[in-house]
């Protein structure tokens, strides 16, 4: 049996349980994670001007 990725399992869970309210929460968490990762790079001054 092939092992599935975490995102595939999460997508199947949301779709099978009709838990579509989780999608915006996951999207916001991913965006915050990307901002945190970019905050430590040379792109940080450009990100801080957005806020």
PDB file of N, CA and C in Angstrom:
ATOM      1  N   UNK A   1       0.837  -1.175   0.000  1.00  0.00           N
ATOM      2  CA  UNK A   1       0.000   0.000   0.000  1.00  0.00           C
ATOM      3  C   UNK A   1       0.887   1.246   0.000  1.00  0.00           C
ATOM      4  N   UNK A   2       0.547   2.185  -0.876  1.00  0.00           N
ATOM      5  CA  UNK A   2       1.341   3.405  -1.015  1.00  0.00           C
ATOM      6  C   UNK A   2       0.979   4.393   0.089  1.00  0.00           C
ATOM      7  N   UNK A   3       1.980   5.030   0.632  1.00  0.00           N
ATOM      8  CA  UNK A   3       1.770   6.011   1.685  1.00  0.00           C
ATOM      9  C   UNK A   3       1.461   7.365   1.062  1.00  0.00           C
ATOM     10  N   UNK A   4       0.423   8.032   1.536  1.00  0.00           N
ATOM     11  CA  UNK A   4      -0.010   9.306   0.974  1.00  0.00           C
ATOM     12  C   UNK A   4       0.582  10.460   1.763  1.00  0.00           C
ATOM     13  N   UNK A   5       0.684  11.601   1.115  1.00  0.00           N
ATOM     14  CA  UNK A   5       1.260  12.765   1.776  1.00  0.00           C
ATOM     15  C   UNK A   5       0.253  13.383   2.735  1.00  0.00           C
ATOM     16  N   UNK A   6       0.746  14.210   3.600  1.00  0.00           N
ATOM     17  CA  UNK A   6      -0.099  14.862   4.588  1.00  0.00           C
ATOM     18  C   UNK A   6      -1.137  15.752   3.916  1.00  0.00           C
ATOM     19  N   UNK A   7      -0.733  16.495   2.888  1.00  0.00           N
ATOM     20  CA  UNK A   7      -1.678  17.387   2.220  1.00  0.00           C
ATOM     21  C   UNK A   7      -2.775  16.614   1.502  1.00  0.00           C
ATOM     22  N   UNK A   8      -2.437  15.473   0.921  1.00  0.00           N
ATOM     23  CA  UNK A   8      -3.453  14.653   0.266  1.00  0.00           C
ATOM     24  C   UNK A   8      -4.448  14.111   1.284  1.00  0.00           C
ATOM     25  N   UNK A   9      -3.949  13.671   2.417  1.00  0.00           N
ATOM     26  CA  UNK A   9      -4.837  13.189   3.481  1.00  0.00           C
ATOM     27  C   UNK A   9      -5.731  14.305   3.997  1.00  0.00           C
ATOM     28  N   UNK A  10      -5.166  15.494   4.166  1.00  0.00           N
ATOM     29  CA  UNK A  10      -5.941  16.627   4.664  1.00  0.00           C
ATOM     30  C   UNK A  10      -7.026  17.028   3.670  1.00  0.00           C
ATOM     31  N   UNK A  11      -6.682  17.052   2.391  1.00  0.00           N
ATOM     32  CA  UNK A  11      -7.651  17.392   1.354  1.00  0.00           C
ATOM     33  C   UNK A  11      -8.789  16.369   1.318  1.00  0.00           C
ATOM     34  N   UNK A  12      -8.450  15.089   1.423  1.00  0.00           N
ATOM     35  CA  UNK A  12      -9.477  14.047   1.442  1.00  0.00           C
ATOM     36  C   UNK A  12     -10.365  14.146   2.673  1.00  0.00           C
ATOM     37  N   UNK A  13      -9.782  14.488   3.809  1.00  0.00           N
ATOM     38  CA  UNK A  13     -10.558  14.655   5.034  1.00  0.00           C
ATOM     39  C   UNK A  13     -11.561  15.786   4.890  1.00  0.00           C
ATOM     40  N   UNK A  14     -11.086  16.922   4.357  1.00  0.00           N
ATOM     41  CA  UNK A  14     -11.974  18.073   4.188  1.00  0.00           C
ATOM     42  C   UNK A  14     -13.094  17.741   3.207  1.00  0.00           C
ATOM     43  N   UNK A  15     -12.748  17.068   2.130  1.00  0.00           N
ATOM     44  CA  UNK A  15     -13.750  16.753   1.112  1.00  0.00           C
ATOM     45  C   UNK A  15     -14.746  15.701   1.601  1.00  0.00           C
ATOM     46  N   UNK A  16     -14.286  14.656   2.266  1.00  0.00           N
ATOM     47  CA  UNK A  16     -15.180  13.576   2.678  1.00  0.00           C
ATOM     48  C   UNK A  16     -16.081  13.982   3.836  1.00  0.00           C
ATOM     49  N   UNK A  17     -15.591  14.821   4.733  1.00  0.00           N
ATOM     50  CA  UNK A  17     -16.389  15.250   5.875  1.00  0.00           C
ATOM     51  C   UNK A  17     -17.112  16.563   5.630  1.00  0.00           C
ATOM     52  N   UNK A  18     -16.962  17.112   4.438  1.00  0.00           N
ATOM     53  CA  UNK A  18     -17.579  18.383   4.066  1.00  0.00           C
ATOM     54  C   UNK A  18     -17.249  19.475   5.091  1.00  0.00           C
ATOM     55  N   UNK A  19     -15.999  19.496   5.490  1.00  0.00           N
ATOM     56  CA  UNK A  19     -15.499  20.473   6.458  1.00  0.00           C
ATOM     57  C   UNK A  19     -14.845  21.630   5.719  1.00  0.00           C
ATOM     58  N   UNK A  20     -15.613  22.283   4.863  1.00  0.00           N
ATOM     59  CA  UNK A  20     -15.067  23.345   4.025  1.00  0.00           C
ATOM     60  C   UNK A  20     -14.691  24.589   4.834  1.00  0.00           C
ATOM     61  N   UNK A  21     -15.134  24.675   6.066  1.00  0.00           N
ATOM     62  CA  UNK A  21     -14.750  25.811   6.898  1.00  0.00           C
ATOM     63  C   UNK A  21     -13.282  25.756   7.303  1.00  0.00           C
ATOM     64  N   UNK A  22     -12.674  24.592   7.169  1.00  0.00           N
ATOM     65  CA  UNK A  22     -11.252  24.465   7.501  1.00  0.00           C
ATOM     66  C   UNK A  22     -10.345  25.058   6.423  1.00  0.00           C
ATOM     67  N   UNK A  23     -10.834  25.158   5.208  1.00  0.00           N
ATOM     68  CA  UNK A  23     -10.001  25.628   4.100  1.00  0.00           C
ATOM     69  C   UNK A  23      -9.464  27.044   4.325  1.00  0.00           C
ATOM     70  N   UNK A  24     -10.287  28.043   4.714  1.00  0.00           N
ATOM     71  CA  UNK A  24      -9.713  29.376   4.944  1.00  0.00           C
ATOM     72  C   UNK A  24      -8.698  29.408   6.081  1.00  0.00           C
ATOM     73  N   UNK A  25      -8.918  28.590   7.097  1.00  0.00           N
ATOM     74  CA  UNK A  25      -7.976  28.546   8.221  1.00  0.00           C
ATOM     75  C   UNK A  25      -6.626  28.009   7.749  1.00  0.00           C
ATOM     76  N   UNK A  26      -6.658  26.971   6.947  1.00  0.00           N
ATOM     77  CA  UNK A  26      -5.417  26.375   6.434  1.00  0.00           C
ATOM     78  C   UNK A  26      -4.703  27.347   5.509  1.00  0.00           C
ATOM     79  N   UNK A  27      -5.452  28.051   4.680  1.00  0.00           N
ATOM     80  CA  UNK A  27      -4.846  29.028   3.766  1.00  0.00           C
ATOM     81  C   UNK A  27      -4.165  30.144   4.543  1.00  0.00           C
ATOM     82  N   UNK A  28      -4.820  30.652   5.576  1.00  0.00           N
ATOM     83  CA  UNK A  28      -4.229  31.721   6.381  1.00  0.00           C
ATOM     84  C   UNK A  28      -2.976  31.222   7.097  1.00  0.00           C
ATOM     85  N   UNK A  29      -3.019  30.014   7.626  1.00  0.00           N
ATOM     86  CA  UNK A  29      -1.838  29.466   8.291  1.00  0.00           C
ATOM     87  C   UNK A  29      -0.671  29.292   7.320  1.00  0.00           C
ATOM     88  N   UNK A  30      -0.957  28.867   6.100  1.00  0.00           N
ATOM     89  CA  UNK A  30       0.109  28.747   5.094  1.00  0.00           C
ATOM     90  C   UNK A  30       0.692  30.109   4.746  1.00  0.00           C
ATOM     91  N   UNK A  31      -0.150  31.123   4.601  1.00  0.00           N
ATOM     92  CA  UNK A  31       0.346  32.463   4.282  1.00  0.00           C
ATOM     93  C   UNK A  31       1.195  33.028   5.417  1.00  0.00           C
ATOM     94  N   UNK A  32       0.779  32.808   6.652  1.00  0.00           N
ATOM     95  CA  UNK A  32       1.571  33.276   7.792  1.00  0.00           C
ATOM     96  C   UNK A  32       2.912  32.552   7.836  1.00  0.00           C
ATOM     97  N   UNK A  33       2.907  31.265   7.548  1.00  0.00           N
ATOM     98  CA  UNK A  33       4.153  30.504   7.510  1.00  0.00           C
ATOM     99  C   UNK A  33       5.107  31.013   6.446  1.00  0.00           C
ATOM    100  N   UNK A  34       4.564  31.350   5.280  1.00  0.00           N
ATOM    101  CA  UNK A  34       5.397  31.900   4.207  1.00  0.00           C
ATOM    102  C   UNK A  34       5.974  33.240   4.620  1.00  0.00           C
ATOM    103  N   UNK A  35       5.169  34.078   5.266  1.00  0.00           N
ATOM    104  CA  UNK A  35       5.680  35.377   5.726  1.00  0.00           C
ATOM    105  C   UNK A  35       6.780  35.209   6.767  1.00  0.00           C
ATOM    106  N   UNK A  36       6.639  34.226   7.641  1.00  0.00           N
ATOM    107  CA  UNK A  36       7.675  33.984   8.649  1.00  0.00           C
ATOM    108  C   UNK A  36       8.968  33.518   7.987  1.00  0.00           C
ATOM    109  N   UNK A  37       8.830  32.628   7.002  1.00  0.00           N
ATOM    110  CA  UNK A  37      10.030  32.156   6.300  1.00  0.00           C
ATOM    111  C   UNK A  37      10.713  33.290   5.540  1.00  0.00           C
ATOM    112  N   UNK A  38       9.935  34.138   4.890  1.00  0.00           N
ATOM    113  CA  UNK A  38      10.526  35.248   4.133  1.00  0.00           C
ATOM    114  C   UNK A  38      11.038  36.357   5.043  1.00  0.00           C
ATOM    115  N   UNK A  39      10.568  36.389   6.285  1.00  0.00           N
ATOM    116  CA  UNK A  39      11.019  37.407   7.227  1.00  0.00           C
ATOM    117  C   UNK A  39      12.487  37.272   7.585  1.00  0.00           C
ATOM    118  N   UNK A  40      13.041  36.099   7.446  1.00  0.00           N
ATOM    119  CA  UNK A  40      14.450  35.876   7.772  1.00  0.00           C
ATOM    120  C   UNK A  40      15.370  36.006   6.575  1.00  0.00           C
ATOM    121  N   UNK A  41      14.839  36.368   5.421  1.00  0.00           N
ATOM    122  CA  UNK A  41      15.663  36.476   4.222  1.00  0.00           C
ATOM    123  C   UNK A  41      15.902  37.948   3.883  1.00  0.00           C
ATOM    124  N   UNK A  42      16.513  38.176   2.742  1.00  0.00           N
ATOM    125  CA  UNK A  42      16.769  39.551   2.320  1.00  0.00           C
ATOM    126  C   UNK A  42      15.510  40.241   1.829  1.00  0.00           C
ATOM    127  N   UNK A  43      14.419  39.509   1.717  1.00  0.00           N
ATOM    128  CA  UNK A  43      13.147  40.091   1.297  1.00  0.00           C
ATOM    129  C   UNK A  43      12.413  40.750   2.464  1.00  0.00           C
ATOM    130  N   UNK A  44      12.959  40.649   3.674  1.00  0.00           N
ATOM    131  CA  UNK A  44      12.292  41.161   4.867  1.00  0.00           C
ATOM    132  C   UNK A  44      11.942  42.651   4.777  1.00  0.00           C
ATOM    133  N   UNK A  45      12.824  43.536   4.319  1.00  0.00           N
ATOM    134  CA  UNK A  45      12.441  44.945   4.255  1.00  0.00           C
ATOM    135  C   UNK A  45      11.237  45.204   3.350  1.00  0.00           C
ATOM    136  N   UNK A  46      11.086  44.405   2.334  1.00  0.00           N
ATOM    137  CA  UNK A  46       9.939  44.588   1.433  1.00  0.00           C
ATOM    138  C   UNK A  46       8.654  44.081   2.070  1.00  0.00           C
ATOM    139  N   UNK A  47       8.760  43.047   2.895  1.00  0.00           N
ATOM    140  CA  UNK A  47       7.573  42.521   3.567  1.00  0.00           C
ATOM    141  C   UNK A  47       7.110  43.465   4.651  1.00  0.00           C
ATOM    142  N   UNK A  48       8.044  44.049   5.411  1.00  0.00           N
ATOM    143  CA  UNK A  48       7.669  44.917   6.504  1.00  0.00           C
ATOM    144  C   UNK A  48       6.992  46.202   6.004  1.00  0.00           C
ATOM    145  N   UNK A  49       7.268  46.611   4.783  1.00  0.00           N
ATOM    146  CA  UNK A  49       6.596  47.808   4.268  1.00  0.00           C
ATOM    147  C   UNK A  49       5.132  47.524   3.925  1.00  0.00           C
ATOM    148  N   UNK A  50       4.763  46.265   3.766  1.00  0.00           N
ATOM    149  CA  UNK A  50       3.370  45.932   3.517  1.00  0.00           C
ATOM    150  C   UNK A  50       2.490  46.212   4.727  1.00  0.00           C
ATOM    151  N   UNK A  51       3.070  46.120   5.900  1.00  0.00           N
ATOM    152  CA  UNK A  51       2.311  46.321   7.126  1.00  0.00           C
ATOM    153  C   UNK A  51       2.635  47.678   7.706  1.00  0.00           C
TER     154      UNK A  51
END
